[in-house]
Amino acid sequence: IFLYTGLIPDVAAVRDSASGWKKRVYGLLAIGWRGTDRQWRHFSSAYLLFAGLATPLVVSVHSVVSWDFAMAIVPGWHSTIFAPYFVAGAIFSGVAMVLTLLIPLRKIFKLEAYITEWHFENLAKILLLTSLIVTYAYGVEFFLAWYSGNPFEQHPFHNRAFGYYAPLFWVMVFCNAVLPLALFVPQVRRGTTSLFVISIFINIGMWLERFIIVVSSLSHDYLPFEWGIYWPTWVEGSIIAGSFAWFFLWFLLFVKHLPGVSITEVKEGLTVHPTAGGQE
């Protein structure tokens, strides 16, 4: 609802320039938008309300998912830090994915006047902050396992760092904790190439994080006779590839038929931050 509400003025703008059956489709999606003062006032109130609801929803959803893990009697999952850890990780990977999609989109559609260094630098600062939070969570997990003195809690973390999945673990640490430290350098924060490379590595690292959390703990449970080694088969790899293809299909269809950059928010940005919109 939040996404659709923000699209209404832009869809109306597309409707006014379209013709034929496309005009009718965009007209239905615009739900009678005419840009009157009354409509703008209601739009601003509704958009602000949905934004206010979406923020705690993001926190609550990822907290509940983390508690599903924390309530399980599985070594390596029973941790109270999972809620802030998962929320920070969601923001971290989400911003990285935004950069992964935004940088090529900006280049292909020549949106340099609308998506500027100002936007990239602020996104990079969010990446850096959430990377530090995630790194802190990694350290706290290992510290709590060591401090507990419980061998059942200590073994999964020792297995992650030095066991069969250790190479994946250290790649995850490099992608999520070490490489983002380069964002302390202003030139790196403002460079689209460096940001694109870092965002790709962060996406890889966050995928490995979920893999390690789930697989390393379940592969070495309480009972040694249940221990085993898991590695994805070609079937699971195909499912992952298909999910990526499904996402990019809808993303490209969206960009093709709807405004990729919010016209309304660009106009507001030009009013509030003239230099951020490419205006001198």
Protein backbone atom coordinates (compact mmCIF):
# COMPACT_ATOMS: atom_id res chain seq x y z
CA ILE A 1 0.00 0.00 0.00
CA PHE A 2 2.86 2.37 0.86
CA LEU A 3 4.54 1.77 -2.52
CA TYR A 4 1.29 2.11 -4.46
CA THR A 5 0.27 5.29 -2.63
CA GLY A 6 3.57 6.94 -3.55
CA LEU A 7 3.07 5.96 -7.20
CA ILE A 8 -0.36 7.55 -7.65
CA PRO A 9 0.77 11.08 -8.74
CA ASP A 10 3.43 9.61 -11.04
CA VAL A 11 0.99 7.14 -12.60
CA ALA A 12 -1.36 10.05 -13.23
CA ALA A 13 1.45 11.90 -15.03
CA VAL A 14 2.07 8.84 -17.21
CA ARG A 15 -1.69 8.56 -17.86
CA ASP A 16 -1.82 12.13 -19.16
CA SER A 17 0.90 11.40 -21.74
CA ALA A 18 -0.32 7.91 -22.75
CA SER A 19 -2.89 6.94 -25.36
CA GLY A 20 -5.18 4.04 -26.24
CA TRP A 21 -5.52 1.09 -23.88
CA LYS A 22 -2.46 2.18 -21.90
CA LYS A 23 -4.21 5.42 -21.00
CA ARG A 24 -7.18 3.44 -19.66
CA VAL A 25 -4.93 1.13 -17.61
CA TYR A 26 -2.96 4.02 -16.13
CA GLY A 27 -6.24 5.83 -15.51
CA LEU A 28 -7.49 2.92 -13.41
CA LEU A 29 -4.22 2.83 -11.46
CA ALA A 30 -4.34 6.61 -10.89
CA ILE A 31 -7.81 6.21 -9.26
CA GLY A 32 -9.04 9.61 -10.38
CA TRP A 33 -5.99 11.68 -9.43
CA ARG A 34 -6.24 15.25 -10.74
CA GLY A 35 -3.64 16.98 -8.57
CA THR A 36 -6.07 19.25 -6.74
CA ASP A 37 -5.10 20.93 -3.49
CA ARG A 38 -7.46 18.64 -1.55
CA GLN A 39 -5.97 15.52 -3.13
CA TRP A 40 -2.41 16.66 -2.37
CA ARG A 41 -3.28 17.30 1.28
CA HIS A 42 -4.86 13.85 1.66
CA PHE A 43 -1.99 12.26 -0.25
CA SER A 44 0.65 13.84 2.02
CA SER A 45 -1.20 12.76 5.16
CA ALA A 46 -1.73 9.18 3.94
CA TYR A 47 1.85 8.84 2.69
CA LEU A 48 3.23 10.06 6.02
CA LEU A 49 0.92 7.69 7.91
CA PHE A 50 1.95 4.66 5.84
CA ALA A 51 5.62 5.59 6.21
CA GLY A 52 5.15 5.79 9.98
CA LEU A 53 3.50 2.35 9.99
CA ALA A 54 6.09 0.78 7.69
CA THR A 55 9.03 1.66 9.94
CA PRO A 56 7.90 -0.26 13.06
CA LEU A 57 6.61 -3.01 10.75
CA VAL A 58 10.13 -3.59 9.41
CA VAL A 59 11.49 -3.75 12.96
CA SER A 60 8.73 -6.06 14.21
CA VAL A 61 8.84 -8.47 11.25
CA HIS A 62 12.57 -9.09 11.48
CA SER A 63 12.44 -9.24 15.27
CA VAL A 64 9.73 -11.93 15.16
CA VAL A 65 11.72 -13.91 12.58
CA SER A 66 14.80 -13.69 14.80
CA TRP A 67 12.81 -14.85 17.83
CA ASP A 68 11.70 -17.90 15.84
CA PHE A 69 15.38 -18.81 15.73
CA ALA A 70 16.13 -17.76 19.31
CA MET A 71 13.27 -19.84 20.77
CA ALA A 72 14.48 -23.00 19.04
CA ILE A 73 16.50 -25.46 21.10
CA VAL A 74 19.37 -25.46 18.63
CA PRO A 75 22.95 -24.59 19.61
CA GLY A 76 24.06 -21.34 18.04
CA TRP A 77 20.53 -19.95 17.71
CA HIS A 78 19.52 -19.39 21.33
CA SER A 79 20.70 -15.77 21.57
CA THR A 80 18.96 -12.63 22.81
CA ILE A 81 20.94 -10.41 20.41
CA PHE A 82 19.20 -11.90 17.38
CA ALA A 83 16.46 -9.22 17.18
CA PRO A 84 18.68 -6.11 16.75
CA TYR A 85 21.14 -8.28 14.80
CA PHE A 86 18.49 -9.29 12.24
CA VAL A 87 17.02 -5.77 12.00
CA ALA A 88 20.43 -4.21 11.36
CA GLY A 89 21.24 -7.00 8.89
CA ALA A 90 18.00 -6.39 7.01
CA ILE A 91 18.74 -2.67 6.65
CA PHE A 92 22.36 -3.46 5.75
CA SER A 93 21.50 -5.92 2.98
CA GLY A 94 18.52 -3.84 1.84
CA VAL A 95 20.58 -0.69 1.28
CA ALA A 96 23.25 -2.76 -0.47
CA MET A 97 20.61 -4.19 -2.81
CA VAL A 98 19.27 -0.69 -3.49
CA LEU A 99 22.76 0.39 -4.55
CA THR A 100 23.21 -2.73 -6.69
CA LEU A 101 20.04 -1.85 -8.63
CA LEU A 102 20.28 1.93 -8.50
CA ILE A 103 23.79 2.43 -9.89
CA PRO A 104 23.20 0.57 -13.22
CA LEU A 105 19.72 2.12 -13.48
CA ARG A 106 21.21 5.60 -13.09
CA LYS A 107 23.80 4.90 -15.79
CA ILE A 108 21.44 3.28 -18.30
CA PHE A 109 18.67 5.88 -18.04
CA LYS A 110 21.08 8.84 -17.60
CA LEU A 111 19.63 9.95 -14.27
CA GLU A 112 22.81 11.64 -13.04
CA ALA A 113 20.96 14.95 -12.63
CA TYR A 114 18.47 13.36 -10.22
CA ILE A 115 20.53 10.70 -8.40
CA THR A 116 23.70 12.47 -7.34
CA GLU A 117 26.76 11.99 -5.14
CA TRP A 118 24.73 13.42 -2.26
CA HIS A 119 22.38 10.43 -2.39
CA PHE A 120 25.17 7.88 -2.74
CA GLU A 121 27.19 9.33 0.12
CA ASN A 122 24.23 9.18 2.49
CA LEU A 123 23.40 5.62 1.45
CA ALA A 124 27.05 4.70 2.01
CA LYS A 125 26.91 6.17 5.52
CA ILE A 126 23.91 3.97 6.32
CA LEU A 127 25.83 0.98 4.96
CA LEU A 128 28.82 1.82 7.15
CA LEU A 129 26.72 2.27 10.29
CA THR A 130 24.79 -0.98 9.85
CA SER A 131 28.00 -2.83 8.96
CA LEU A 132 29.49 -1.77 12.30
CA ILE A 133 26.34 -2.94 14.12
CA VAL A 134 26.43 -6.31 12.34
CA THR A 135 30.15 -6.66 13.10
CA TYR A 136 29.45 -5.94 16.76
CA ALA A 137 26.73 -8.63 16.73
CA TYR A 138 29.19 -11.15 15.28
CA GLY A 139 31.61 -10.42 18.11
CA VAL A 140 28.91 -10.57 20.80
CA GLU A 141 27.74 -13.97 19.54
CA PHE A 142 31.20 -15.46 19.94
CA PHE A 143 31.78 -13.72 23.28
CA LEU A 144 28.51 -15.00 24.76
CA ALA A 145 29.27 -18.54 23.60
CA TRP A 146 32.73 -18.38 25.20
CA TYR A 147 31.54 -16.65 28.39
CA SER A 148 28.68 -19.12 28.91
CA GLY A 149 31.11 -21.99 29.50
CA ASN A 150 28.55 -24.26 27.83
CA PRO A 151 30.29 -26.67 25.43
CA PHE A 152 27.06 -27.11 23.45
CA GLU A 153 27.03 -23.37 22.73
CA GLN A 154 30.77 -23.10 22.15
CA HIS A 155 31.02 -25.95 19.65
CA PRO A 156 28.81 -24.42 16.86
CA PHE A 157 30.84 -21.21 16.85
CA HIS A 158 34.14 -23.09 16.87
CA ASN A 159 32.78 -25.17 14.01
CA ARG A 160 31.79 -22.04 12.06
CA ALA A 161 35.25 -20.50 12.35
CA PHE A 162 37.42 -23.61 12.00
CA GLY A 163 35.18 -26.42 10.72
CA TYR A 164 33.96 -27.53 7.31
CA TYR A 165 32.15 -24.24 6.62
CA ALA A 166 35.04 -22.04 7.83
CA PRO A 167 35.92 -20.72 4.31
CA LEU A 168 32.34 -19.49 3.88
CA PHE A 169 32.40 -17.95 7.35
CA TRP A 170 35.57 -15.96 6.71
CA VAL A 171 34.29 -14.81 3.31
CA MET A 172 31.17 -13.60 5.13
CA VAL A 173 33.29 -11.72 7.69
CA PHE A 174 35.33 -10.10 4.92
CA CYS A 175 32.24 -9.06 2.92
CA ASN A 176 30.17 -7.78 5.85
CA ALA A 177 32.72 -6.54 8.39
CA VAL A 178 36.06 -5.79 6.70
CA LEU A 179 35.31 -4.51 3.19
CA PRO A 180 32.66 -1.93 4.27
CA LEU A 181 35.33 -0.21 6.40
CA ALA A 182 36.55 1.29 3.11
CA LEU A 183 33.45 3.51 3.31
CA PHE A 184 35.25 5.62 5.91
CA VAL A 185 37.10 7.10 2.90
CA PRO A 186 34.99 9.92 1.35
CA GLN A 187 36.16 9.14 -2.20
CA VAL A 188 34.92 5.56 -1.83
CA ARG A 189 31.54 6.73 -0.54
CA ARG A 190 31.08 9.02 -3.54
CA GLY A 191 32.38 6.69 -6.25
CA THR A 192 29.69 4.70 -8.03
CA THR A 193 32.10 1.96 -9.14
CA SER A 194 33.47 1.36 -5.65
CA LEU A 195 29.97 1.45 -4.14
CA PHE A 196 28.67 -1.01 -6.72
CA VAL A 197 31.51 -3.47 -6.03
CA ILE A 198 31.07 -3.16 -2.25
CA SER A 199 27.29 -3.64 -2.53
CA ILE A 200 27.77 -6.84 -4.55
CA PHE A 201 30.13 -8.24 -1.93
CA ILE A 202 27.71 -7.28 0.87
CA ASN A 203 24.86 -9.10 -0.88
CA ILE A 204 27.07 -12.18 -1.15
CA GLY A 205 28.12 -11.86 2.48
CA MET A 206 24.57 -11.52 3.78
CA TRP A 207 23.44 -14.56 1.80
CA LEU A 208 26.35 -16.52 3.30
CA GLU A 209 25.39 -15.26 6.76
CA ARG A 210 21.93 -16.84 6.52
CA PHE A 211 23.43 -20.01 5.08
CA ILE A 212 25.92 -20.28 7.94
CA ILE A 213 23.35 -19.51 10.66
CA VAL A 214 21.00 -22.22 9.41
CA VAL A 215 23.32 -24.90 8.07
CA SER A 216 26.25 -24.83 10.49
CA SER A 217 23.98 -25.15 13.54
CA LEU A 218 21.74 -27.86 12.09
CA SER A 219 24.67 -29.87 10.72
CA HIS A 220 26.18 -30.19 14.23
CA ASP A 221 23.28 -30.56 16.65
CA TYR A 222 23.32 -32.02 20.17
CA LEU A 223 23.49 -35.64 19.01
CA PRO A 224 26.72 -36.61 17.19
CA PHE A 225 25.05 -39.42 15.24
CA GLU A 226 22.89 -36.76 13.53
CA TRP A 227 25.89 -34.74 12.38
CA GLY A 228 26.40 -34.37 8.67
CA ILE A 229 27.61 -32.12 5.89
CA TYR A 230 25.12 -30.26 3.74
CA TRP A 231 25.87 -28.73 0.37
CA PRO A 232 23.26 -27.38 -2.09
CA THR A 233 22.46 -29.59 -5.07
CA TRP A 234 21.82 -28.42 -8.62
CA VAL A 235 18.08 -28.50 -7.88
CA GLU A 236 18.40 -25.99 -5.04
CA GLY A 237 20.82 -23.90 -7.12
CA SER A 238 18.23 -23.82 -9.89
CA ILE A 239 15.56 -22.66 -7.44
CA ILE A 240 17.83 -19.82 -6.28
CA ALA A 241 18.61 -18.85 -9.88
CA GLY A 242 14.89 -18.95 -10.68
CA SER A 243 14.08 -16.69 -7.74
CA PHE A 244 16.62 -14.14 -8.99
CA ALA A 245 15.15 -14.36 -12.49
CA TRP A 246 11.61 -13.91 -11.10
CA PHE A 247 12.67 -10.81 -9.16
CA PHE A 248 14.50 -9.19 -12.07
CA LEU A 249 11.57 -9.92 -14.41
CA TRP A 250 9.18 -7.90 -12.25
CA PHE A 251 11.79 -5.23 -11.53
CA LEU A 252 12.47 -4.65 -15.24
CA LEU A 253 8.74 -4.66 -16.04
CA PHE A 254 8.22 -2.06 -13.33
CA VAL A 255 11.01 0.16 -14.67
CA LYS A 256 9.71 -0.22 -18.23
CA HIS A 257 6.09 0.69 -17.55
CA LEU A 258 6.24 2.90 -14.43
CA PRO A 259 8.50 5.80 -13.38
CA GLY A 260 11.74 4.40 -11.99
CA VAL A 261 12.33 7.62 -10.04
CA SER A 262 9.51 9.32 -8.15
CA ILE A 263 8.65 12.54 -9.99
CA THR A 264 6.89 13.91 -6.91
CA GLU A 265 9.81 13.31 -4.57
CA VAL A 266 12.30 14.72 -7.08
CA LYS A 267 10.31 17.96 -7.20
CA GLU A 268 10.22 18.08 -3.40
CA GLY A 269 13.97 17.42 -3.29
CA LEU A 270 14.66 20.28 -5.70
CA THR A 271 12.78 22.58 -3.33
CA VAL A 272 14.43 21.39 -0.11
CA HIS A 273 17.92 20.43 -1.39
CA PRO A 274 18.62 22.30 -4.64
CA THR A 275 22.17 20.94 -5.00
CA ALA A 276 21.02 17.37 -4.29
CA GLY A 277 18.90 17.43 -7.42
CA GLY A 278 21.70 18.55 -9.67
CA GLN A 279 20.69 22.22 -9.67
CA GLU A 280 23.24 24.92 -8.98
